[in-house]
């Protein structure tokens, strides 16, 4: 079924901060929090598009089951994103400035919603629209001030939304010690479901075409508009 676009918004933030930037700190030298935040923001402003492989794992609290999906994500501001899922089932989530589509080939169905409704209702997706700064929408801190890095020297941050209507209290991110690139994002929603997204093979500023984020309904596919 078509997932609530709140979940889409939460996942989008991972792509928004996925864009890391190289900094002066060498491994073994923990930078100040301000340096890490500045790196994230600078990278966000300088990235014109990106492509990355991802693994998304969701622990569903209500049925005590874990789901794992893999694929490739493409992102181009403003308001353009494609999540191309390849495992275990093929599906596509396409967002452009006008519409958001979830195409499920095995169901011969596509679910459609106005993009404006997502951006109007969810503060978290403002990161994609280029309207907000990271520090305007979130409080950022090291997840553990006494241990700001993991055993590999990667930085561990927690992002707390400044507004309480996003469905999550905190988002935990792991940043590469080499270039501040995000390599993991995890969070829990109000229903107790826990989501982890891992990113690999990141490419930036590769001139993705706008047509990549357009969708044409295939023959014999039912269209289900969502309010």
N, C-alpha and C. Protein backbone atom coordinates (compact mmCIF):
# COMPACT_ATOMS: atom_id res chain seq x y z
N UNK A 1 0.83 -1.19 0.00
CA UNK A 1 0.00 0.00 0.00
C UNK A 1 0.87 1.25 0.00
N UNK A 2 0.26 2.33 -0.36
CA UNK A 2 0.96 3.62 -0.40
C UNK A 2 1.25 4.08 1.01
N UNK A 3 2.50 4.32 1.33
CA UNK A 3 2.87 4.73 2.67
C UNK A 3 2.57 6.19 2.91
N UNK A 4 2.21 6.50 4.11
CA UNK A 4 1.95 7.88 4.48
C UNK A 4 3.15 8.74 4.09
N UNK A 5 2.89 9.89 3.48
CA UNK A 5 3.99 10.72 2.99
C UNK A 5 4.79 11.34 4.11
N UNK A 6 4.33 11.21 5.35
CA UNK A 6 5.20 11.60 6.47
C UNK A 6 6.48 10.79 6.43
N UNK A 7 6.36 9.46 6.20
CA UNK A 7 7.53 8.61 6.16
C UNK A 7 8.45 9.02 5.03
N UNK A 8 7.86 9.40 3.90
CA UNK A 8 8.67 9.91 2.80
C UNK A 8 9.46 11.13 3.26
N UNK A 9 8.78 12.04 3.97
CA UNK A 9 9.44 13.25 4.43
C UNK A 9 10.60 12.95 5.35
N UNK A 10 10.43 11.96 6.22
CA UNK A 10 11.50 11.61 7.14
C UNK A 10 12.69 11.05 6.38
N UNK A 11 12.40 10.20 5.40
CA UNK A 11 13.50 9.63 4.62
C UNK A 11 14.19 10.71 3.80
N UNK A 12 13.42 11.67 3.31
CA UNK A 12 14.01 12.75 2.50
C UNK A 12 15.10 13.48 3.25
N UNK A 13 14.94 13.66 4.52
CA UNK A 13 15.97 14.40 5.25
C UNK A 13 17.30 13.70 5.18
N UNK A 14 17.28 12.37 5.06
CA UNK A 14 18.53 11.65 4.92
C UNK A 14 19.24 12.08 3.66
N UNK A 15 18.52 12.20 2.57
CA UNK A 15 19.13 12.65 1.33
C UNK A 15 19.57 14.09 1.41
N UNK A 16 18.83 14.88 2.14
CA UNK A 16 19.17 16.29 2.23
C UNK A 16 20.48 16.52 2.93
N UNK A 17 20.80 15.67 3.91
CA UNK A 17 22.06 15.84 4.62
C UNK A 17 23.10 14.82 4.17
N UNK A 18 22.76 14.09 3.12
CA UNK A 18 23.63 13.05 2.59
C UNK A 18 24.88 13.61 1.94
N UNK A 19 24.91 14.92 1.77
CA UNK A 19 25.78 15.51 0.80
C UNK A 19 27.14 15.95 1.33
N UNK A 20 27.56 15.64 2.47
CA UNK A 20 28.84 15.91 3.08
C UNK A 20 29.84 16.78 2.34
N UNK A 21 30.79 17.31 3.05
CA UNK A 21 31.81 18.17 2.45
C UNK A 21 33.12 17.91 3.16
N UNK A 22 34.22 17.98 2.44
CA UNK A 22 35.51 17.73 3.07
C UNK A 22 35.87 18.85 4.02
N UNK A 23 36.54 18.49 5.10
CA UNK A 23 36.91 19.48 6.10
C UNK A 23 38.35 19.32 6.52
N UNK A 24 38.84 20.20 7.36
CA UNK A 24 40.25 20.20 7.70
C UNK A 24 40.64 19.18 8.74
N UNK A 25 39.67 18.60 9.45
CA UNK A 25 40.03 17.74 10.56
C UNK A 25 40.50 16.39 10.07
N UNK A 26 41.58 15.90 10.62
CA UNK A 26 42.07 14.56 10.32
C UNK A 26 41.44 13.57 11.29
N UNK A 27 41.43 12.28 10.89
CA UNK A 27 40.88 11.25 11.75
C UNK A 27 41.66 11.24 13.06
N UNK A 28 40.93 11.19 14.15
CA UNK A 28 41.58 11.24 15.46
C UNK A 28 41.46 12.60 16.09
N UNK A 29 41.08 13.61 15.30
CA UNK A 29 40.87 14.94 15.81
C UNK A 29 39.37 15.25 15.75
N UNK A 30 38.70 15.25 16.87
CA UNK A 30 37.27 15.51 16.89
C UNK A 30 37.01 17.00 16.67
N UNK A 31 36.28 17.35 15.60
CA UNK A 31 36.02 18.77 15.35
C UNK A 31 34.96 19.28 16.30
N UNK A 32 34.88 20.58 16.43
CA UNK A 32 33.81 21.18 17.22
C UNK A 32 32.49 20.92 16.52
N UNK A 33 31.41 20.89 17.31
CA UNK A 33 30.09 20.67 16.75
C UNK A 33 29.79 21.69 15.65
N UNK A 34 30.20 22.94 15.88
CA UNK A 34 29.94 23.99 14.91
C UNK A 34 30.59 23.69 13.56
N UNK A 35 31.75 23.06 13.59
CA UNK A 35 32.44 22.72 12.34
C UNK A 35 31.67 21.67 11.56
N UNK A 36 31.14 20.68 12.26
CA UNK A 36 30.37 19.64 11.61
C UNK A 36 29.10 20.23 11.00
N UNK A 37 28.40 21.05 11.77
CA UNK A 37 27.17 21.67 11.28
C UNK A 37 27.45 22.54 10.06
N UNK A 38 28.54 23.29 10.13
CA UNK A 38 28.91 24.16 9.01
C UNK A 38 29.20 23.33 7.76
N UNK A 39 29.84 22.17 7.96
CA UNK A 39 30.12 21.29 6.83
C UNK A 39 28.86 20.78 6.17
N UNK A 40 27.90 20.36 6.98
CA UNK A 40 26.63 19.89 6.44
C UNK A 40 25.92 20.98 5.64
N UNK A 41 25.85 22.16 6.23
CA UNK A 41 25.13 23.24 5.58
C UNK A 41 25.82 23.68 4.29
N UNK A 42 27.14 23.79 4.33
CA UNK A 42 27.89 24.19 3.15
C UNK A 42 27.68 23.19 2.02
N UNK A 43 27.72 21.90 2.37
CA UNK A 43 27.53 20.86 1.36
C UNK A 43 26.14 20.94 0.77
N UNK A 44 25.15 21.17 1.61
CA UNK A 44 23.76 21.27 1.12
C UNK A 44 23.63 22.39 0.10
N UNK A 45 24.25 23.50 0.37
CA UNK A 45 24.14 24.65 -0.51
C UNK A 45 24.87 24.45 -1.83
N UNK A 46 25.93 23.64 -1.83
CA UNK A 46 26.76 23.48 -3.03
C UNK A 46 26.38 22.28 -3.88
N UNK A 47 25.53 21.40 -3.37
CA UNK A 47 25.16 20.21 -4.12
C UNK A 47 24.00 20.51 -5.07
N UNK A 48 24.21 20.29 -6.36
CA UNK A 48 23.16 20.50 -7.36
C UNK A 48 22.33 19.25 -7.58
N UNK A 49 22.90 18.07 -7.34
CA UNK A 49 22.17 16.81 -7.41
C UNK A 49 23.05 15.71 -6.83
N UNK A 50 22.46 14.53 -6.62
CA UNK A 50 23.25 13.40 -6.14
C UNK A 50 22.58 12.09 -6.48
N UNK A 51 23.39 11.04 -6.46
CA UNK A 51 22.95 9.67 -6.67
C UNK A 51 23.66 8.79 -5.66
N UNK A 52 22.95 7.85 -5.06
CA UNK A 52 23.57 6.96 -4.07
C UNK A 52 22.79 5.66 -3.99
N UNK A 53 23.48 4.57 -3.71
CA UNK A 53 22.79 3.32 -3.41
C UNK A 53 22.37 3.35 -1.94
N UNK A 54 21.28 2.65 -1.60
CA UNK A 54 20.81 2.66 -0.22
C UNK A 54 20.27 1.30 0.19
N UNK A 55 20.31 1.07 1.49
CA UNK A 55 19.65 -0.07 2.13
C UNK A 55 18.76 0.50 3.22
N UNK A 56 17.49 0.17 3.16
CA UNK A 56 16.52 0.66 4.14
C UNK A 56 15.97 -0.51 4.94
N UNK A 57 16.11 -0.47 6.25
CA UNK A 57 15.60 -1.51 7.13
C UNK A 57 14.58 -0.92 8.09
N UNK A 58 13.42 -1.57 8.19
CA UNK A 58 12.35 -1.10 9.06
C UNK A 58 11.94 -2.22 10.00
N UNK A 59 11.97 -1.96 11.30
CA UNK A 59 11.49 -2.90 12.30
C UNK A 59 10.08 -2.48 12.68
N UNK A 60 9.08 -3.29 12.28
CA UNK A 60 7.68 -2.98 12.51
C UNK A 60 7.26 -3.48 13.88
N UNK A 61 6.92 -2.54 14.76
CA UNK A 61 6.63 -2.89 16.15
C UNK A 61 5.34 -3.70 16.29
N UNK A 62 4.32 -3.36 15.51
CA UNK A 62 3.01 -3.99 15.69
C UNK A 62 3.00 -5.47 15.35
N UNK A 63 3.87 -5.89 14.42
CA UNK A 63 3.89 -7.30 14.00
C UNK A 63 5.22 -7.97 14.32
N UNK A 64 6.12 -7.23 15.00
CA UNK A 64 7.42 -7.78 15.39
C UNK A 64 8.14 -8.40 14.20
N UNK A 65 8.26 -7.62 13.12
CA UNK A 65 8.87 -8.09 11.90
C UNK A 65 9.79 -7.04 11.33
N UNK A 66 10.85 -7.49 10.67
CA UNK A 66 11.79 -6.58 10.02
C UNK A 66 11.65 -6.68 8.51
N UNK A 67 11.71 -5.53 7.84
CA UNK A 67 11.68 -5.49 6.39
C UNK A 67 12.94 -4.79 5.89
N UNK A 68 13.49 -5.31 4.81
CA UNK A 68 14.72 -4.76 4.23
C UNK A 68 14.48 -4.50 2.75
N UNK A 69 14.83 -3.29 2.31
CA UNK A 69 14.71 -2.94 0.90
C UNK A 69 16.00 -2.27 0.44
N UNK A 70 16.30 -2.45 -0.85
CA UNK A 70 17.52 -1.88 -1.42
C UNK A 70 17.20 -1.20 -2.74
N UNK A 71 18.06 -0.27 -3.12
CA UNK A 71 17.88 0.40 -4.39
C UNK A 71 18.82 1.57 -4.56
N UNK A 72 18.41 2.52 -5.38
CA UNK A 72 19.21 3.71 -5.68
C UNK A 72 18.33 4.94 -5.51
N UNK A 73 18.89 5.97 -4.89
CA UNK A 73 18.17 7.23 -4.72
C UNK A 73 18.82 8.31 -5.56
N UNK A 74 17.98 9.14 -6.20
CA UNK A 74 18.43 10.28 -6.99
C UNK A 74 17.77 11.52 -6.41
N UNK A 75 18.53 12.59 -6.27
CA UNK A 75 18.00 13.81 -5.64
C UNK A 75 18.48 15.04 -6.40
N UNK A 76 17.54 15.96 -6.66
CA UNK A 76 17.89 17.21 -7.33
C UNK A 76 16.97 18.31 -6.82
N UNK A 77 17.50 19.27 -6.08
CA UNK A 77 16.66 20.37 -5.61
C UNK A 77 16.34 21.32 -6.77
N UNK A 78 15.16 21.97 -6.70
CA UNK A 78 14.20 21.86 -5.61
C UNK A 78 13.13 20.79 -5.87
N UNK A 79 12.76 20.06 -4.84
CA UNK A 79 11.60 19.17 -4.84
C UNK A 79 11.64 18.08 -5.88
N UNK A 80 12.79 17.51 -6.15
CA UNK A 80 12.89 16.39 -7.08
C UNK A 80 13.62 15.23 -6.42
N UNK A 81 13.01 14.05 -6.45
CA UNK A 81 13.62 12.88 -5.85
C UNK A 81 13.06 11.62 -6.48
N UNK A 82 13.91 10.62 -6.64
CA UNK A 82 13.50 9.31 -7.12
C UNK A 82 14.13 8.25 -6.23
N UNK A 83 13.28 7.43 -5.60
CA UNK A 83 13.74 6.25 -4.87
C UNK A 83 13.39 5.04 -5.75
N UNK A 84 14.42 4.43 -6.32
CA UNK A 84 14.25 3.31 -7.24
C UNK A 84 14.57 2.02 -6.49
N UNK A 85 13.52 1.36 -5.98
CA UNK A 85 13.69 0.13 -5.20
C UNK A 85 13.85 -1.06 -6.14
N UNK A 86 14.83 -1.92 -5.86
CA UNK A 86 15.09 -3.10 -6.68
C UNK A 86 14.96 -4.41 -5.92
N UNK A 87 15.11 -4.39 -4.60
CA UNK A 87 15.00 -5.60 -3.78
C UNK A 87 14.20 -5.29 -2.52
N UNK A 88 13.40 -6.23 -2.05
CA UNK A 88 13.05 -7.52 -2.65
C UNK A 88 12.03 -7.41 -3.77
N UNK A 89 11.38 -6.24 -3.89
CA UNK A 89 10.40 -6.03 -4.95
C UNK A 89 10.69 -4.71 -5.65
N UNK A 90 10.34 -4.64 -6.91
CA UNK A 90 10.55 -3.42 -7.69
C UNK A 90 9.41 -2.44 -7.43
N UNK A 91 9.78 -1.18 -7.14
CA UNK A 91 8.81 -0.10 -7.04
C UNK A 91 9.57 1.21 -7.16
N UNK A 92 8.85 2.28 -7.46
CA UNK A 92 9.49 3.58 -7.62
C UNK A 92 8.69 4.64 -6.87
N UNK A 93 9.40 5.48 -6.16
CA UNK A 93 8.81 6.66 -5.53
C UNK A 93 9.40 7.87 -6.22
N UNK A 94 8.56 8.63 -6.92
CA UNK A 94 9.00 9.79 -7.70
C UNK A 94 8.36 11.04 -7.14
N UNK A 95 9.18 12.05 -6.87
CA UNK A 95 8.67 13.34 -6.40
C UNK A 95 9.23 14.42 -7.30
N UNK A 96 8.34 15.28 -7.80
CA UNK A 96 8.76 16.44 -8.57
C UNK A 96 8.01 17.66 -8.03
N UNK A 97 8.25 18.84 -8.54
CA UNK A 97 7.63 20.03 -7.94
C UNK A 97 6.10 20.02 -7.93
N UNK A 98 5.48 19.15 -8.75
CA UNK A 98 4.02 19.14 -8.83
C UNK A 98 3.38 17.95 -8.11
N UNK A 99 3.89 16.75 -8.38
CA UNK A 99 3.25 15.54 -7.89
C UNK A 99 4.25 14.59 -7.23
N UNK A 100 3.70 13.72 -6.38
CA UNK A 100 4.47 12.62 -5.80
C UNK A 100 3.77 11.31 -6.20
N UNK A 101 4.55 10.35 -6.70
CA UNK A 101 3.99 9.10 -7.20
C UNK A 101 4.67 7.91 -6.51
N UNK A 102 3.89 6.92 -6.16
CA UNK A 102 4.45 5.63 -5.76
C UNK A 102 3.91 4.60 -6.74
N UNK A 103 4.81 4.08 -7.56
CA UNK A 103 4.44 3.10 -8.60
C UNK A 103 4.83 1.70 -8.14
N UNK A 104 3.84 0.81 -8.07
CA UNK A 104 4.06 -0.58 -7.64
C UNK A 104 3.68 -1.49 -8.81
N UNK A 105 4.65 -1.90 -9.62
CA UNK A 105 4.35 -2.68 -10.82
C UNK A 105 3.57 -3.97 -10.56
N UNK A 106 3.92 -4.70 -9.51
CA UNK A 106 3.24 -5.98 -9.28
C UNK A 106 1.76 -5.80 -8.97
N UNK A 107 1.38 -4.64 -8.46
CA UNK A 107 -0.03 -4.35 -8.17
C UNK A 107 -0.71 -3.63 -9.34
N UNK A 108 0.06 -3.28 -10.35
CA UNK A 108 -0.44 -2.49 -11.48
C UNK A 108 -1.14 -1.23 -10.95
N UNK A 109 -0.46 -0.55 -10.05
CA UNK A 109 -1.06 0.61 -9.39
C UNK A 109 -0.04 1.71 -9.19
N UNK A 110 -0.53 2.96 -9.27
CA UNK A 110 0.28 4.11 -8.91
C UNK A 110 -0.56 5.01 -8.02
N UNK A 111 0.05 5.45 -6.91
CA UNK A 111 -0.64 6.29 -5.93
C UNK A 111 -0.07 7.70 -6.06
N UNK A 112 -0.94 8.70 -6.12
CA UNK A 112 -0.53 10.06 -6.47
C UNK A 112 -1.01 11.05 -5.42
N UNK A 113 -0.13 12.00 -5.08
CA UNK A 113 -0.50 13.08 -4.16
C UNK A 113 0.18 14.37 -4.59
N UNK A 114 -0.44 15.48 -4.27
CA UNK A 114 0.14 16.78 -4.58
C UNK A 114 1.42 17.01 -3.77
N UNK A 115 2.50 17.37 -4.44
CA UNK A 115 3.76 17.64 -3.73
C UNK A 115 3.61 18.80 -2.76
N UNK A 116 2.82 19.80 -3.15
CA UNK A 116 2.65 20.98 -2.30
C UNK A 116 2.12 20.62 -0.91
N UNK A 117 1.30 19.57 -0.84
CA UNK A 117 0.74 19.17 0.45
C UNK A 117 1.83 18.64 1.37
N UNK A 118 2.81 17.97 0.80
CA UNK A 118 3.92 17.44 1.60
C UNK A 118 4.75 18.59 2.16
N UNK A 119 5.11 19.51 1.28
CA UNK A 119 6.00 20.60 1.70
C UNK A 119 5.30 21.59 2.62
N UNK A 120 4.00 21.69 2.50
CA UNK A 120 3.25 22.59 3.36
C UNK A 120 3.09 22.02 4.77
N UNK A 121 2.94 20.70 4.87
CA UNK A 121 2.61 20.08 6.15
C UNK A 121 3.81 19.56 6.91
N UNK A 122 4.92 19.31 6.22
CA UNK A 122 6.06 18.68 6.88
C UNK A 122 7.29 19.59 6.85
N UNK A 123 7.64 20.09 8.00
CA UNK A 123 8.81 20.96 8.11
C UNK A 123 10.07 20.26 7.62
N UNK A 124 10.16 18.98 7.87
CA UNK A 124 11.39 18.25 7.59
C UNK A 124 11.76 18.26 6.11
N UNK A 125 10.76 18.30 5.22
CA UNK A 125 11.07 18.29 3.80
C UNK A 125 11.46 19.66 3.26
N UNK A 126 11.40 20.68 4.10
CA UNK A 126 11.88 22.01 3.68
C UNK A 126 13.36 21.97 3.33
N UNK A 127 14.08 21.00 3.87
CA UNK A 127 15.49 20.86 3.53
C UNK A 127 15.68 20.65 2.04
N UNK A 128 14.75 19.93 1.40
CA UNK A 128 14.85 19.70 -0.03
C UNK A 128 14.51 20.94 -0.83
N UNK A 129 13.65 21.77 -0.28
CA UNK A 129 13.18 22.94 -1.02
C UNK A 129 14.14 24.10 -0.94
N UNK A 130 15.19 23.96 -0.13
CA UNK A 130 16.18 25.01 -0.03
C UNK A 130 15.70 26.23 0.73
N UNK A 131 14.60 26.09 1.50
CA UNK A 131 14.04 27.24 2.20
C UNK A 131 14.61 27.40 3.60
N UNK A 132 15.02 26.32 4.19
CA UNK A 132 15.44 26.39 5.58
C UNK A 132 16.90 26.01 5.76
N UNK A 133 17.45 26.45 6.85
CA UNK A 133 18.79 26.04 7.24
C UNK A 133 18.68 24.89 8.23
N UNK A 134 19.70 24.07 8.26
CA UNK A 134 19.68 22.94 9.19
C UNK A 134 19.43 23.42 10.61
N UNK A 135 20.11 24.50 11.00
CA UNK A 135 19.99 24.99 12.37
C UNK A 135 18.67 25.69 12.64
N UNK A 136 17.93 26.06 11.58
CA UNK A 136 16.63 26.68 11.77
C UNK A 136 15.56 25.64 12.07
N UNK A 137 15.69 24.46 11.47
CA UNK A 137 14.68 23.42 11.62
C UNK A 137 15.00 22.41 12.71
N UNK A 138 16.29 22.31 13.09
CA UNK A 138 16.71 21.29 14.05
C UNK A 138 17.69 21.83 15.08
N UNK A 139 17.64 21.22 16.24
CA UNK A 139 18.71 21.35 17.21
C UNK A 139 19.68 20.20 16.94
N UNK A 140 20.97 20.52 16.79
CA UNK A 140 21.96 19.48 16.52
C UNK A 140 22.93 19.36 17.68
N UNK A 141 23.32 18.13 17.96
CA UNK A 141 24.27 17.88 19.04
C UNK A 141 24.97 16.55 18.76
N UNK A 142 26.10 16.34 19.41
CA UNK A 142 26.70 15.02 19.36
C UNK A 142 25.81 14.08 20.16
N UNK A 143 25.59 12.87 19.65
CA UNK A 143 24.71 11.91 20.32
C UNK A 143 25.19 11.63 21.73
N UNK A 144 26.51 11.58 21.90
CA UNK A 144 27.12 11.42 23.22
C UNK A 144 28.30 12.39 23.29
N UNK A 145 28.14 13.52 23.96
CA UNK A 145 29.22 14.51 24.01
C UNK A 145 30.55 13.95 24.50
N UNK A 146 30.47 12.92 25.34
CA UNK A 146 31.70 12.32 25.85
C UNK A 146 32.36 11.38 24.87
N UNK A 147 31.60 10.96 23.84
CA UNK A 147 32.13 10.06 22.81
C UNK A 147 31.50 10.45 21.48
N UNK A 148 32.00 11.53 20.86
CA UNK A 148 31.37 12.05 19.64
C UNK A 148 31.59 11.21 18.39
N UNK A 149 32.43 10.16 18.48
CA UNK A 149 32.70 9.31 17.31
C UNK A 149 32.50 7.84 17.66
N UNK A 150 32.33 7.01 16.61
CA UNK A 150 32.27 5.58 16.81
C UNK A 150 33.69 5.00 16.77
N UNK A 151 33.80 3.68 16.79
CA UNK A 151 35.12 3.05 16.85
C UNK A 151 35.96 3.29 15.61
N UNK A 152 35.29 3.70 14.51
CA UNK A 152 36.01 3.98 13.27
C UNK A 152 36.31 5.46 13.08
N UNK A 153 35.94 6.27 14.09
CA UNK A 153 36.21 7.70 14.01
C UNK A 153 35.12 8.50 13.32
N UNK A 154 34.01 7.85 12.95
CA UNK A 154 32.91 8.56 12.32
C UNK A 154 32.10 9.32 13.36
N UNK A 155 31.57 10.47 12.99
CA UNK A 155 30.88 11.35 13.93
C UNK A 155 29.43 10.94 14.12
N UNK A 156 28.96 10.98 15.36
CA UNK A 156 27.62 10.56 15.72
C UNK A 156 26.82 11.77 16.19
N UNK A 157 25.82 12.14 15.41
CA UNK A 157 25.00 13.31 15.72
C UNK A 157 23.56 12.92 15.99
N UNK A 158 22.87 13.77 16.74
CA UNK A 158 21.43 13.64 16.93
C UNK A 158 20.79 14.95 16.50
N UNK A 159 19.73 14.85 15.67
CA UNK A 159 19.00 16.01 15.18
C UNK A 159 17.61 16.00 15.82
N UNK A 160 17.28 17.06 16.54
CA UNK A 160 15.98 17.16 17.22
C UNK A 160 15.15 18.23 16.54
N UNK A 161 13.99 17.86 15.95
CA UNK A 161 13.14 18.86 15.29
C UNK A 161 12.70 19.94 16.27
N UNK A 162 12.70 21.18 15.82
CA UNK A 162 12.27 22.28 16.69
C UNK A 162 10.76 22.36 16.81
N UNK A 163 10.04 21.69 15.89
CA UNK A 163 8.60 21.59 16.00
C UNK A 163 8.23 20.14 16.29
N UNK A 164 7.15 19.95 17.05
CA UNK A 164 6.81 18.62 17.54
C UNK A 164 5.78 17.90 16.69
N UNK A 165 5.55 18.37 15.46
CA UNK A 165 4.49 17.78 14.63
C UNK A 165 5.02 16.93 13.49
N UNK A 166 6.25 16.44 13.61
CA UNK A 166 6.85 15.68 12.53
C UNK A 166 6.75 14.17 12.71
N UNK A 167 6.30 13.72 13.88
CA UNK A 167 6.14 12.29 14.10
C UNK A 167 7.39 11.59 14.59
N UNK A 168 8.48 12.33 14.74
CA UNK A 168 9.71 11.76 15.31
C UNK A 168 10.27 12.74 16.33
N UNK A 169 10.88 12.20 17.37
CA UNK A 169 11.50 13.05 18.38
C UNK A 169 12.94 13.38 18.04
N UNK A 170 13.64 12.38 17.48
CA UNK A 170 15.06 12.55 17.19
C UNK A 170 15.43 11.77 15.95
N UNK A 171 16.44 12.25 15.23
CA UNK A 171 17.01 11.55 14.09
C UNK A 171 18.51 11.42 14.35
N UNK A 172 19.01 10.20 14.34
CA UNK A 172 20.42 9.95 14.59
C UNK A 172 21.14 9.73 13.27
N UNK A 173 22.26 10.43 13.08
CA UNK A 173 23.02 10.28 11.84
C UNK A 173 24.48 9.99 12.16
N UNK A 174 25.09 9.18 11.29
CA UNK A 174 26.51 8.88 11.37
C UNK A 174 27.20 9.51 10.17
N UNK A 175 28.22 10.31 10.43
CA UNK A 175 28.93 11.02 9.36
C UNK A 175 30.34 10.47 9.21
N UNK A 176 30.77 10.32 7.98
CA UNK A 176 32.13 9.86 7.71
C UNK A 176 33.15 10.82 8.31
N UNK A 177 34.19 10.27 8.93
CA UNK A 177 35.24 11.11 9.51
C UNK A 177 36.10 11.77 8.44
N UNK A 178 36.00 11.29 7.20
CA UNK A 178 36.84 11.82 6.14
C UNK A 178 36.26 13.08 5.50
N UNK A 179 34.94 13.10 5.30
CA UNK A 179 34.37 14.22 4.54
C UNK A 179 32.99 14.66 5.02
N UNK A 180 32.58 14.21 6.21
CA UNK A 180 31.28 14.56 6.78
C UNK A 180 30.10 13.97 6.01
N UNK A 181 30.35 13.05 5.10
CA UNK A 181 29.26 12.41 4.36
C UNK A 181 28.45 11.52 5.30
N UNK A 182 27.13 11.59 5.20
CA UNK A 182 26.30 10.75 6.03
C UNK A 182 26.32 9.32 5.49
N UNK A 183 26.56 8.36 6.36
CA UNK A 183 26.58 6.96 5.95
C UNK A 183 25.48 6.16 6.62
N UNK A 184 24.81 6.77 7.58
CA UNK A 184 23.67 6.10 8.20
C UNK A 184 22.73 7.12 8.82
N UNK A 185 21.43 6.82 8.75
CA UNK A 185 20.40 7.65 9.36
C UNK A 185 19.40 6.71 10.02
N UNK A 186 19.01 6.96 11.26
CA UNK A 186 18.03 6.10 11.92
C UNK A 186 17.09 6.93 12.79
N UNK A 187 15.87 6.43 12.93
CA UNK A 187 14.86 7.13 13.70
C UNK A 187 13.73 6.16 14.05
N UNK A 188 12.91 6.56 15.01
CA UNK A 188 11.72 5.79 15.39
C UNK A 188 10.51 6.71 15.29
N UNK A 189 9.39 6.18 14.75
CA UNK A 189 8.19 7.00 14.64
C UNK A 189 7.31 6.85 15.87
N UNK A 190 6.16 7.51 15.86
CA UNK A 190 5.28 7.51 17.03
C UNK A 190 4.65 6.15 17.29
N UNK A 191 4.69 5.24 16.31
CA UNK A 191 4.13 3.91 16.48
C UNK A 191 5.17 2.90 16.96
N UNK A 192 6.39 3.38 17.17
CA UNK A 192 7.45 2.49 17.65
C UNK A 192 8.20 1.77 16.55
N UNK A 193 7.89 2.06 15.29
CA UNK A 193 8.63 1.47 14.18
C UNK A 193 10.00 2.13 14.06
N UNK A 194 11.02 1.32 13.88
CA UNK A 194 12.39 1.84 13.82
C UNK A 194 12.94 1.67 12.41
N UNK A 195 13.42 2.78 11.83
CA UNK A 195 13.93 2.78 10.46
C UNK A 195 15.41 3.15 10.44
N UNK A 196 16.17 2.39 9.66
CA UNK A 196 17.59 2.69 9.45
C UNK A 196 17.85 2.73 7.95
N UNK A 197 18.54 3.78 7.49
CA UNK A 197 18.89 3.91 6.08
C UNK A 197 20.40 4.04 5.97
N UNK A 198 21.01 3.16 5.18
CA UNK A 198 22.46 3.19 4.93
C UNK A 198 22.70 3.66 3.51
N UNK A 199 23.71 4.53 3.32
CA UNK A 199 24.03 5.07 2.01
C UNK A 199 25.45 4.69 1.60
N UNK A 200 25.62 4.35 0.31
CA UNK A 200 26.92 3.99 -0.23
C UNK A 200 27.05 4.54 -1.66
N UNK A 201 28.28 4.55 -2.16
CA UNK A 201 28.54 4.90 -3.57
C UNK A 201 27.93 6.24 -3.96
N UNK A 202 28.18 7.26 -3.16
CA UNK A 202 27.57 8.56 -3.36
C UNK A 202 28.28 9.33 -4.49
N UNK A 203 27.49 9.86 -5.41
CA UNK A 203 28.00 10.71 -6.49
C UNK A 203 27.25 12.03 -6.45
N UNK A 204 27.95 13.14 -6.59
CA UNK A 204 27.34 14.47 -6.51
C UNK A 204 27.58 15.27 -7.79
N UNK A 205 26.65 16.18 -8.05
CA UNK A 205 26.80 17.14 -9.15
C UNK A 205 27.12 16.44 -10.47
N UNK A 206 26.23 15.49 -10.82
CA UNK A 206 26.43 14.69 -12.03
C UNK A 206 25.44 15.06 -13.14
N UNK A 207 24.76 16.19 -12.97
CA UNK A 207 23.86 16.74 -13.99
C UNK A 207 22.70 15.80 -14.31
N UNK A 208 21.96 15.43 -13.28
CA UNK A 208 20.78 14.60 -13.49
C UNK A 208 19.73 15.40 -14.27
N UNK A 209 19.10 14.79 -15.28
CA UNK A 209 18.08 15.51 -16.07
C UNK A 209 16.76 15.60 -15.31
N UNK A 210 16.04 16.67 -15.52
CA UNK A 210 14.74 16.84 -14.86
C UNK A 210 13.76 15.73 -15.23
N UNK A 211 13.88 15.20 -16.44
CA UNK A 211 12.94 14.18 -16.89
C UNK A 211 13.02 12.90 -16.06
N UNK A 212 14.12 12.72 -15.35
CA UNK A 212 14.25 11.55 -14.48
C UNK A 212 13.17 11.56 -13.40
N UNK A 213 12.67 12.73 -13.06
CA UNK A 213 11.71 12.86 -11.96
C UNK A 213 10.27 13.05 -12.47
N UNK A 214 10.05 12.73 -13.74
CA UNK A 214 8.71 12.74 -14.29
C UNK A 214 8.17 11.31 -14.35
N UNK A 215 6.84 11.18 -14.32
CA UNK A 215 6.25 9.84 -14.35
C UNK A 215 5.10 9.82 -15.35
N UNK A 216 5.10 8.83 -16.22
CA UNK A 216 4.02 8.60 -17.17
C UNK A 216 3.39 7.25 -16.85
N UNK A 217 2.12 7.24 -16.57
CA UNK A 217 1.44 6.02 -16.17
C UNK A 217 1.47 4.99 -17.30
N UNK A 218 2.00 3.79 -17.03
CA UNK A 218 2.02 2.74 -18.06
C UNK A 218 0.61 2.23 -18.38
N UNK A 219 0.43 1.58 -19.51
CA UNK A 219 -0.87 1.02 -19.85
C UNK A 219 -1.33 -0.01 -18.80
N UNK A 220 -2.63 -0.08 -18.60
CA UNK A 220 -3.27 -1.06 -17.71
C UNK A 220 -2.82 -0.90 -16.25
N UNK A 221 -2.44 0.30 -15.88
CA UNK A 221 -2.08 0.61 -14.49
C UNK A 221 -3.14 1.54 -13.92
N UNK A 222 -3.68 1.18 -12.76
CA UNK A 222 -4.70 1.99 -12.10
C UNK A 222 -4.06 3.16 -11.34
N UNK A 223 -4.71 4.34 -11.42
CA UNK A 223 -4.21 5.53 -10.73
C UNK A 223 -5.13 5.81 -9.52
N UNK A 224 -4.52 5.94 -8.35
CA UNK A 224 -5.28 6.18 -7.12
C UNK A 224 -4.85 7.52 -6.52
N UNK A 225 -5.64 8.57 -6.73
CA UNK A 225 -5.32 9.87 -6.12
C UNK A 225 -5.49 9.82 -4.60
N UNK A 226 -4.59 10.49 -3.90
CA UNK A 226 -4.66 10.59 -2.45
C UNK A 226 -4.84 12.05 -2.05
N UNK A 227 -5.61 12.27 -1.02
CA UNK A 227 -5.84 13.64 -0.57
C UNK A 227 -4.71 14.08 0.36
